Amino acid sequence: MSRLNGKVAVITGGGNGLGEAIATRMSEEGAAVAILDRDERGREVADKLRAGGAKAIFQQVDVTQENDVSAALGAVSRELGSVTVLVNNAGIEGVNKPTDQLDLADWEKVMAVNSTAVFLCTKHVIEHMRAAGSGSIINISSIYGILGGADIPPYHASKGAVRVMSKNDALTYAPDKIRVNSIHPGFIFTNLVHRYVDDAGLSEADARGILDPAHPLGGTGEPDDIAWGAVYLASDQAKWVTGSELVIDGGYTAR
């Protein structure tokens, strides 16, 4: 298919998990893809996409550093053309301690990656989208940005911030034909969830025994479940969609 022909997509945290799936599906739909990640694994993903005939590049970037973000987006624009799609996907779960037991440094680390990086990437992509005449910003939040779970407080707070940032920026940039939406995944066994489960002292089998029934459709999700949602929001099929929350959670939040 070719829903994203002519689009230039930047995916942060594109070296694994949800980011890799999003990069893969967007490239299959015709987008030129730039993977931004601190992890060199992102280079392998870009190489794999190019081997399959896609146009893809890798930029090693710490998305919490403003100069790095600005420079990387400029480099992408020069190599691939003006950025028209940004997926703010990079994220970490942080330390799983109650609020009264958290160190400030633990809080600030999660907020930097999960919220401040979204701010920085959005801030510096706007000029490129204005140059292109339109754009789609897709912020990966979480079901934990909608409801509580009595765990990992900074993760909840940071993903809740992303949810409302998306709505506010949707209003701000609508006159520029720049759409901003958030996606809220349920539990998917990416590296982040594996770390979360390990930190809880559970085996994957035990964790699935707890999590699977919590999703009314049964089981946990797959990275492609999120990737196809991102493809839709990036495409012109979603040209009248902004400020929305796309919840992809097997029914977890329907209760």
C-alpha atoms as a PDB file:
ATOM      1  CA  MET A   1       0.000   0.000   0.000  1.00  0.00           C
ATOM      2  CA  SER A   2       1.020   3.634  -0.282  1.00  0.00           C
ATOM      3  CA  ARG A   3      -0.880   5.669   2.299  1.00  0.00           C
ATOM      4  CA  LEU A   4       2.250   7.612   3.246  1.00  0.00           C
ATOM      5  CA  ASN A   5       3.830   8.235  -0.154  1.00  0.00           C
ATOM      6  CA  GLY A   6       5.752  11.509  -0.159  1.00  0.00           C
ATOM      7  CA  LYS A   7       5.837  11.835   3.619  1.00  0.00           C
ATOM      8  CA  VAL A   8       8.979  12.101   5.727  1.00  0.00           C
ATOM      9  CA  ALA A   9       8.554  10.477   9.134  1.00  0.00           C
ATOM     10  CA  VAL A  10      10.773  10.844  12.213  1.00  0.00           C
ATOM     11  CA  ILE A  11      10.359   8.170  14.890  1.00  0.00           C
ATOM     12  CA  THR A  12      12.078   8.643  18.238  1.00  0.00           C
ATOM     13  CA  GLY A  13      13.044   5.478  20.077  1.00  0.00           C
ATOM     14  CA  GLY A  14      12.786   3.694  16.739  1.00  0.00           C
ATOM     15  CA  GLY A  15      15.470   1.123  17.497  1.00  0.00           C
ATOM     16  CA  ASN A  16      13.203  -1.459  19.119  1.00  0.00           C
ATOM     17  CA  GLY A  17       9.706  -2.345  20.261  1.00  0.00           C
ATOM     18  CA  LEU A  18       6.891  -0.019  19.275  1.00  0.00           C
ATOM     19  CA  GLY A  19       9.255   2.390  17.522  1.00  0.00           C
ATOM     20  CA  GLU A  20      10.705  -0.298  15.289  1.00  0.00           C
ATOM     21  CA  ALA A  21       7.226  -1.543  14.378  1.00  0.00           C
ATOM     22  CA  ILE A  22       6.062   1.992  13.580  1.00  0.00           C
ATOM     23  CA  ALA A  23       9.132   2.683  11.444  1.00  0.00           C
ATOM     24  CA  THR A  24       8.641  -0.582   9.587  1.00  0.00           C
ATOM     25  CA  ARG A  25       4.955  -0.094   8.818  1.00  0.00           C
ATOM     26  CA  MET A  26       5.390   3.540   7.843  1.00  0.00           C
ATOM     27  CA  SER A  27       8.185   2.657   5.434  1.00  0.00           C
ATOM     28  CA  GLU A  28       6.026  -0.084   3.935  1.00  0.00           C
ATOM     29  CA  GLU A  29       3.347   2.539   3.353  1.00  0.00           C
ATOM     30  CA  GLY A  30       5.781   4.682   1.368  1.00  0.00           C
ATOM     31  CA  ALA A  31       7.222   7.110   3.906  1.00  0.00           C
ATOM     32  CA  ALA A  32      10.884   8.033   4.050  1.00  0.00           C
ATOM     33  CA  VAL A  33      11.834   7.209   7.634  1.00  0.00           C
ATOM     34  CA  ALA A  34      14.372   8.662  10.040  1.00  0.00           C
ATOM     35  CA  ILE A  35      15.017   6.740  13.239  1.00  0.00           C
ATOM     36  CA  LEU A  36      16.225   8.802  16.187  1.00  0.00           C
ATOM     37  CA  ASP A  37      17.592   6.782  19.093  1.00  0.00           C
ATOM     38  CA  ARG A  38      20.467   6.712  21.559  1.00  0.00           C
ATOM     39  CA  ASP A  39      20.794   2.986  20.926  1.00  0.00           C
ATOM     40  CA  GLU A  40      22.910   1.875  17.955  1.00  0.00           C
ATOM     41  CA  ARG A  41      20.241  -0.756  17.364  1.00  0.00           C
ATOM     42  CA  GLY A  42      18.457   1.987  15.455  1.00  0.00           C
ATOM     43  CA  ARG A  43      21.141   1.793  12.784  1.00  0.00           C
ATOM     44  CA  GLU A  44      20.388  -1.906  12.294  1.00  0.00           C
ATOM     45  CA  VAL A  45      16.697  -1.125  11.868  1.00  0.00           C
ATOM     46  CA  ALA A  46      17.443   1.546   9.265  1.00  0.00           C
ATOM     47  CA  ASP A  47      19.806  -0.810   7.427  1.00  0.00           C
ATOM     48  CA  LYS A  48      17.115  -3.497   7.378  1.00  0.00           C
ATOM     49  CA  LEU A  49      14.536  -1.082   5.984  1.00  0.00           C
ATOM     50  CA  ARG A  50      16.915   0.069   3.254  1.00  0.00           C
ATOM     51  CA  ALA A  51      17.685  -3.539   2.365  1.00  0.00           C
ATOM     52  CA  GLY A  52      13.962  -3.958   1.768  1.00  0.00           C
ATOM     53  CA  GLY A  53      13.916  -1.020  -0.634  1.00  0.00           C
ATOM     54  CA  ALA A  54      12.802   1.709   1.747  1.00  0.00           C
ATOM     55  CA  LYS A  55      14.385   5.112   2.203  1.00  0.00           C
ATOM     56  CA  ALA A  56      15.604   5.161   5.804  1.00  0.00           C
ATOM     57  CA  ILE A  57      18.323   6.804   7.877  1.00  0.00           C
ATOM     58  CA  PHE A  58      19.499   6.665  11.479  1.00  0.00           C
ATOM     59  CA  GLN A  59      20.465   9.565  13.709  1.00  0.00           C
ATOM     60  CA  GLN A  60      22.004   8.781  17.099  1.00  0.00           C
ATOM     61  CA  VAL A  61      20.360  11.333  19.354  1.00  0.00           C
ATOM     62  CA  ASP A  62      19.639  11.936  23.017  1.00  0.00           C
ATOM     63  CA  VAL A  63      16.152  13.416  22.697  1.00  0.00           C
ATOM     64  CA  THR A  64      16.445  15.103  26.104  1.00  0.00           C
ATOM     65  CA  GLN A  65      19.165  17.405  24.726  1.00  0.00           C
ATOM     66  CA  GLU A  66      17.795  20.389  22.826  1.00  0.00           C
ATOM     67  CA  ASN A  67      20.825  21.035  20.618  1.00  0.00           C
ATOM     68  CA  ASP A  68      20.947  17.372  19.604  1.00  0.00           C
ATOM     69  CA  VAL A  69      17.258  17.357  18.696  1.00  0.00           C
ATOM     70  CA  SER A  70      17.476  20.544  16.644  1.00  0.00           C
ATOM     71  CA  ALA A  71      20.571  19.340  14.800  1.00  0.00           C
ATOM     72  CA  ALA A  72      19.090  15.913  14.075  1.00  0.00           C
ATOM     73  CA  LEU A  73      15.850  17.299  12.650  1.00  0.00           C
ATOM     74  CA  GLY A  74      17.839  19.681  10.487  1.00  0.00           C
ATOM     75  CA  ALA A  75      19.951  16.798   9.189  1.00  0.00           C
ATOM     76  CA  VAL A  76      16.861  14.731   8.420  1.00  0.00           C
ATOM     77  CA  SER A  77      15.284  17.609   6.541  1.00  0.00           C
ATOM     78  CA  ARG A  78      18.392  18.133   4.440  1.00  0.00           C
ATOM     79  CA  GLU A  79      18.693  14.441   3.570  1.00  0.00           C
ATOM     80  CA  LEU A  80      15.078  13.377   3.182  1.00  0.00           C
ATOM     81  CA  GLY A  81      13.107  16.614   2.800  1.00  0.00           C
ATOM     82  CA  SER A  82      10.914  18.578   5.196  1.00  0.00           C
ATOM     83  CA  VAL A  83       9.613  16.449   8.039  1.00  0.00           C
ATOM     84  CA  THR A  84       5.842  15.906   7.788  1.00  0.00           C
ATOM     85  CA  VAL A  85       5.375  13.190  10.439  1.00  0.00           C
ATOM     86  CA  LEU A  86       6.832  13.067  13.944  1.00  0.00           C
ATOM     87  CA  VAL A  87       6.249  10.117  16.252  1.00  0.00           C
ATOM     88  CA  ASN A  88       7.333  10.911  19.804  1.00  0.00           C
ATOM     89  CA  ASN A  89       7.792   7.339  20.949  1.00  0.00           C
ATOM     90  CA  ALA A  90      10.952   7.319  23.095  1.00  0.00           C
ATOM     91  CA  GLY A  91      10.116   6.417  26.675  1.00  0.00           C
ATOM     92  CA  ILE A  92      11.207   4.721  29.887  1.00  0.00           C
ATOM     93  CA  GLU A  93       9.237   3.307  32.809  1.00  0.00           C
ATOM     94  CA  GLY A  94      11.410   4.455  35.705  1.00  0.00           C
ATOM     95  CA  VAL A  95      11.709   3.185  39.260  1.00  0.00           C
ATOM     96  CA  ASN A  96       8.645   1.473  40.670  1.00  0.00           C
ATOM     97  CA  LYS A  97       8.390   3.075  44.119  1.00  0.00           C
ATOM     98  CA  PRO A  98       5.583   4.981  45.855  1.00  0.00           C
ATOM     99  CA  THR A  99       5.742   8.750  45.533  1.00  0.00           C
ATOM    100  CA  ASP A 100       6.935   9.240  49.121  1.00  0.00           C
ATOM    101  CA  GLN A 101       9.899   6.912  48.482  1.00  0.00           C
ATOM    102  CA  LEU A 102      11.032   8.324  45.145  1.00  0.00           C
ATOM    103  CA  ASP A 103      14.235  10.291  44.755  1.00  0.00           C
ATOM    104  CA  LEU A 104      13.940  13.536  42.830  1.00  0.00           C
ATOM    105  CA  ALA A 105      16.549  12.275  40.353  1.00  0.00           C
ATOM    106  CA  ASP A 106      14.404   9.237  39.542  1.00  0.00           C
ATOM    107  CA  TRP A 107      11.394  11.487  38.911  1.00  0.00           C
ATOM    108  CA  GLU A 108      13.337  13.937  36.750  1.00  0.00           C
ATOM    109  CA  LYS A 109      14.881  11.176  34.619  1.00  0.00           C
ATOM    110  CA  VAL A 110      11.483   9.810  33.600  1.00  0.00           C
ATOM    111  CA  MET A 111      10.001  13.242  33.014  1.00  0.00           C
ATOM    112  CA  ALA A 112      12.977  14.199  30.845  1.00  0.00           C
ATOM    113  CA  VAL A 113      12.607  11.236  28.488  1.00  0.00           C
ATOM    114  CA  ASN A 114       8.828  10.874  28.474  1.00  0.00           C
ATOM    115  CA  SER A 115       7.691  14.517  28.572  1.00  0.00           C
ATOM    116  CA  THR A 116      10.510  17.006  28.025  1.00  0.00           C
ATOM    117  CA  ALA A 117      11.686  15.127  24.939  1.00  0.00           C
ATOM    118  CA  VAL A 118       8.180  15.391  23.470  1.00  0.00           C
ATOM    119  CA  PHE A 119       8.316  19.137  24.069  1.00  0.00           C
ATOM    120  CA  LEU A 120      11.761  19.458  22.477  1.00  0.00           C
ATOM    121  CA  CYS A 121      10.992  17.382  19.398  1.00  0.00           C
ATOM    122  CA  THR A 122       7.689  19.191  18.876  1.00  0.00           C
ATOM    123  CA  LYS A 123       9.303  22.578  19.367  1.00  0.00           C
ATOM    124  CA  HIS A 124      11.938  21.953  16.733  1.00  0.00           C
ATOM    125  CA  VAL A 125       9.834  20.076  14.178  1.00  0.00           C
ATOM    126  CA  ILE A 126       7.287  22.867  13.756  1.00  0.00           C
ATOM    127  CA  GLU A 127       9.474  24.934  11.433  1.00  0.00           C
ATOM    128  CA  HIS A 128       9.966  21.926   9.168  1.00  0.00           C
ATOM    129  CA  MET A 129       6.246  21.132   9.066  1.00  0.00           C
ATOM    130  CA  ARG A 130       5.416  24.761   8.359  1.00  0.00           C
ATOM    131  CA  ALA A 131       7.871  24.640   5.462  1.00  0.00           C
ATOM    132  CA  ALA A 132       6.089  21.535   4.173  1.00  0.00           C
ATOM    133  CA  GLY A 133       2.666  23.154   4.575  1.00  0.00           C
ATOM    134  CA  SER A 134       1.252  20.522   6.931  1.00  0.00           C
ATOM    135  CA  GLY A 135       2.198  17.826   9.400  1.00  0.00           C
ATOM    136  CA  SER A 136       1.127  15.129  11.811  1.00  0.00           C
ATOM    137  CA  ILE A 137       2.598  14.800  15.301  1.00  0.00           C
ATOM    138  CA  ILE A 138       1.824  11.507  17.023  1.00  0.00           C
ATOM    139  CA  ASN A 139       2.653  11.285  20.713  1.00  0.00           C
ATOM    140  CA  ILE A 140       2.844   7.838  22.263  1.00  0.00           C
ATOM    141  CA  SER A 141       1.238   8.136  25.681  1.00  0.00           C
ATOM    142  CA  SER A 142      -0.237   5.144  27.527  1.00  0.00           C
ATOM    143  CA  ILE A 143      -3.357   3.845  29.223  1.00  0.00           C
ATOM    144  CA  TYR A 144      -1.361   4.963  32.249  1.00  0.00           C
ATOM    145  CA  GLY A 145      -1.758   8.510  30.962  1.00  0.00           C
ATOM    146  CA  ILE A 146      -5.519   8.105  31.415  1.00  0.00           C
ATOM    147  CA  LEU A 147      -5.929   6.090  34.598  1.00  0.00           C
ATOM    148  CA  GLY A 148      -3.985   5.125  37.692  1.00  0.00           C
ATOM    149  CA  GLY A 149      -2.366   1.826  38.543  1.00  0.00           C
ATOM    150  CA  ALA A 150      -0.950   2.430  42.014  1.00  0.00           C
ATOM    151  CA  ASP A 151       2.577   2.059  40.634  1.00  0.00           C
ATOM    152  CA  ILE A 152       5.451   3.904  38.853  1.00  0.00           C
ATOM    153  CA  PRO A 153       4.246   7.456  39.694  1.00  0.00           C
ATOM    154  CA  PRO A 154       6.592   9.327  37.335  1.00  0.00           C
ATOM    155  CA  TYR A 155       5.486   7.188  34.397  1.00  0.00           C
ATOM    156  CA  HIS A 156       1.826   7.982  35.049  1.00  0.00           C
ATOM    157  CA  ALA A 157       2.580  11.681  35.471  1.00  0.00           C
ATOM    158  CA  SER A 158       4.734  11.901  32.366  1.00  0.00           C
ATOM    159  CA  LYS A 159       2.247  10.075  30.155  1.00  0.00           C
ATOM    160  CA  GLY A 160      -0.609  12.171  31.505  1.00  0.00           C
ATOM    161  CA  ALA A 161       1.395  15.255  30.592  1.00  0.00           C
ATOM    162  CA  VAL A 162       1.831  13.946  27.045  1.00  0.00           C
ATOM    163  CA  ARG A 163      -1.917  13.422  26.744  1.00  0.00           C
ATOM    164  CA  VAL A 164      -2.774  17.039  27.555  1.00  0.00           C
ATOM    165  CA  MET A 165       0.237  18.488  25.726  1.00  0.00           C
ATOM    166  CA  SER A 166      -1.142  16.821  22.618  1.00  0.00           C
ATOM    167  CA  LYS A 167      -4.523  18.517  22.972  1.00  0.00           C
ATOM    168  CA  ASN A 168      -3.009  21.906  23.678  1.00  0.00           C
ATOM    169  CA  ASP A 169      -0.611  21.723  20.727  1.00  0.00           C
ATOM    170  CA  ALA A 170      -3.458  20.519  18.505  1.00  0.00           C
ATOM    171  CA  LEU A 171      -5.232  23.801  19.163  1.00  0.00           C
ATOM    172  CA  THR A 172      -2.093  25.889  18.788  1.00  0.00           C
ATOM    173  CA  TYR A 173      -0.980  24.476  15.445  1.00  0.00           C
ATOM    174  CA  ALA A 174      -4.299  23.763  13.729  1.00  0.00           C
ATOM    175  CA  PRO A 175      -3.996  27.038  11.732  1.00  0.00           C
ATOM    176  CA  ASP A 176      -0.728  25.662  10.308  1.00  0.00           C
ATOM    177  CA  LYS A 177      -2.504  22.429   9.274  1.00  0.00           C
ATOM    178  CA  ILE A 178      -0.368  20.540  11.767  1.00  0.00           C
ATOM    179  CA  ARG A 179      -2.340  17.825  13.522  1.00  0.00           C
ATOM    180  CA  VAL A 180      -1.391  16.535  16.982  1.00  0.00           C
ATOM    181  CA  ASN A 181      -2.807  13.335  18.473  1.00  0.00           C
ATOM    182  CA  SER A 182      -1.895  10.845  21.181  1.00  0.00           C
ATOM    183  CA  ILE A 183      -1.931   7.047  21.166  1.00  0.00           C
ATOM    184  CA  HIS A 184      -2.581   5.138  24.379  1.00  0.00           C
ATOM    185  CA  PRO A 185      -1.360   1.536  24.222  1.00  0.00           C
ATOM    186  CA  GLY A 186      -2.377  -1.169  26.641  1.00  0.00           C
ATOM    187  CA  PHE A 187       0.170  -3.717  27.829  1.00  0.00           C
ATOM    188  CA  ILE A 188       2.493  -4.968  25.087  1.00  0.00           C
ATOM    189  CA  PHE A 189       5.532  -7.072  25.931  1.00  0.00           C
ATOM    190  CA  THR A 190       8.207  -4.674  24.723  1.00  0.00           C
ATOM    191  CA  ASN A 191      11.502  -4.220  26.555  1.00  0.00           C
ATOM    192  CA  LEU A 192       9.822  -1.592  28.751  1.00  0.00           C
ATOM    193  CA  VAL A 193       7.120  -4.002  29.943  1.00  0.00           C
ATOM    194  CA  HIS A 194       9.660  -6.799  30.410  1.00  0.00           C
ATOM    195  CA  ARG A 195      11.641  -4.497  32.740  1.00  0.00           C
ATOM    196  CA  TYR A 196       8.441  -3.542  34.556  1.00  0.00           C
ATOM    197  CA  VAL A 197       7.596  -7.218  35.074  1.00  0.00           C
ATOM    198  CA  ASP A 198      11.136  -8.110  36.169  1.00  0.00           C
ATOM    199  CA  ASP A 199      11.115  -5.253  38.659  1.00  0.00           C
ATOM    200  CA  ALA A 200       7.899  -6.659  40.119  1.00  0.00           C
ATOM    201  CA  GLY A 201       9.656 -10.010  40.625  1.00  0.00           C
ATOM    202  CA  LEU A 202       7.319 -11.844  38.239  1.00  0.00           C
ATOM    203  CA  SER A 203       8.053 -14.315  35.480  1.00  0.00           C
ATOM    204  CA  GLU A 204       6.593 -13.472  32.078  1.00  0.00           C
ATOM    205  CA  ALA A 205       4.161 -16.390  32.437  1.00  0.00           C
ATOM    206  CA  ASP A 206       2.938 -15.098  35.791  1.00  0.00           C
ATOM    207  CA  ALA A 207       2.663 -11.561  34.448  1.00  0.00           C
ATOM    208  CA  ARG A 208       0.641 -12.714  31.452  1.00  0.00           C
ATOM    209  CA  GLY A 209      -1.619 -14.623  33.815  1.00  0.00           C
ATOM    210  CA  ILE A 210      -2.391 -11.325  35.531  1.00  0.00           C
ATOM    211  CA  LEU A 211      -2.436  -9.017  32.524  1.00  0.00           C
ATOM    212  CA  ASP A 212      -4.200 -11.129  29.906  1.00  0.00           C
ATOM    213  CA  PRO A 213      -7.580 -11.166  31.695  1.00  0.00           C
ATOM    214  CA  ALA A 214      -7.347  -7.397  32.248  1.00  0.00           C
ATOM    215  CA  HIS A 215      -7.736  -6.886  28.494  1.00  0.00           C
ATOM    216  CA  PRO A 216     -11.302  -7.884  27.542  1.00  0.00           C
ATOM    217  CA  LEU A 217     -10.292  -8.935  24.024  1.00  0.00           C
ATOM    218  CA  GLY A 218      -7.895 -11.413  25.629  1.00  0.00           C
ATOM    219  CA  GLY A 219      -4.132 -11.459  25.838  1.00  0.00           C
ATOM    220  CA  THR A 220      -1.783  -8.509  25.540  1.00  0.00           C
ATOM    221  CA  GLY A 221      -1.151  -6.459  22.422  1.00  0.00           C
ATOM    222  CA  GLU A 222       1.499  -6.614  19.722  1.00  0.00           C
ATOM    223  CA  PRO A 223       3.699  -3.752  18.482  1.00  0.00           C
ATOM    224  CA  ASP A 224       1.902  -3.792  15.136  1.00  0.00           C
ATOM    225  CA  ASP A 225      -1.375  -2.972  16.875  1.00  0.00           C
ATOM    226  CA  ILE A 226       0.130   0.401  17.733  1.00  0.00           C
ATOM    227  CA  ALA A 227       2.020   0.779  14.469  1.00  0.00           C
ATOM    228  CA  TRP A 228      -1.110   0.588  12.339  1.00  0.00           C
ATOM    229  CA  GLY A 229      -2.764   3.223  14.520  1.00  0.00           C
ATOM    230  CA  ALA A 230       0.222   5.493  13.966  1.00  0.00           C
ATOM    231  CA  VAL A 231       0.074   4.890  10.213  1.00  0.00           C
ATOM    232  CA  TYR A 232      -3.570   5.974  10.201  1.00  0.00           C
ATOM    233  CA  LEU A 233      -2.868   9.176  12.154  1.00  0.00           C
ATOM    234  CA  ALA A 234       0.061   9.995   9.864  1.00  0.00           C
ATOM    235  CA  SER A 235      -2.001   9.474   6.722  1.00  0.00           C
ATOM    236  CA  ASP A 236      -4.364  11.810   4.899  1.00  0.00           C
ATOM    237  CA  GLN A 237      -7.165   9.461   5.942  1.00  0.00           C
ATOM    238  CA  ALA A 238      -6.917  11.228   9.307  1.00  0.00           C
ATOM    239  CA  LYS A 239      -6.890  14.734   7.810  1.00  0.00           C
ATOM    240  CA  TRP A 240      -9.749  15.840  10.109  1.00  0.00           C
ATOM    241  CA  VAL A 241      -8.393  14.204  13.258  1.00  0.00           C
ATOM    242  CA  THR A 242      -6.540  16.325  15.778  1.00  0.00           C
ATOM    243  CA  GLY A 243      -6.464  16.596  19.559  1.00  0.00           C
ATOM    244  CA  SER A 244      -7.762  13.053  19.818  1.00  0.00           C
ATOM    245  CA  GLU A 245      -6.791  10.081  21.974  1.00  0.00           C
ATOM    246  CA  LEU A 246      -6.485   6.827  20.066  1.00  0.00           C
ATOM    247  CA  VAL A 247      -6.752   4.145  22.744  1.00  0.00           C
ATOM    248  CA  ILE A 248      -5.434   0.763  21.567  1.00  0.00           C
ATOM    249  CA  ASP A 249      -5.729  -1.430  24.623  1.00  0.00           C
ATOM    250  CA  GLY A 250      -7.896  -4.479  23.979  1.00  0.00           C
ATOM    251  CA  GLY A 251     -10.615  -2.865  26.052  1.00  0.00           C
ATOM    252  CA  TYR A 252      -8.513  -2.328  29.215  1.00  0.00           C
ATOM    253  CA  THR A 253      -9.871   1.200  29.852  1.00  0.00           C
ATOM    254  CA  ALA A 254     -13.463   0.378  28.872  1.00  0.00           C
ATOM    255  CA  ARG A 255     -14.273  -0.830  32.364  1.00  0.00           C
END
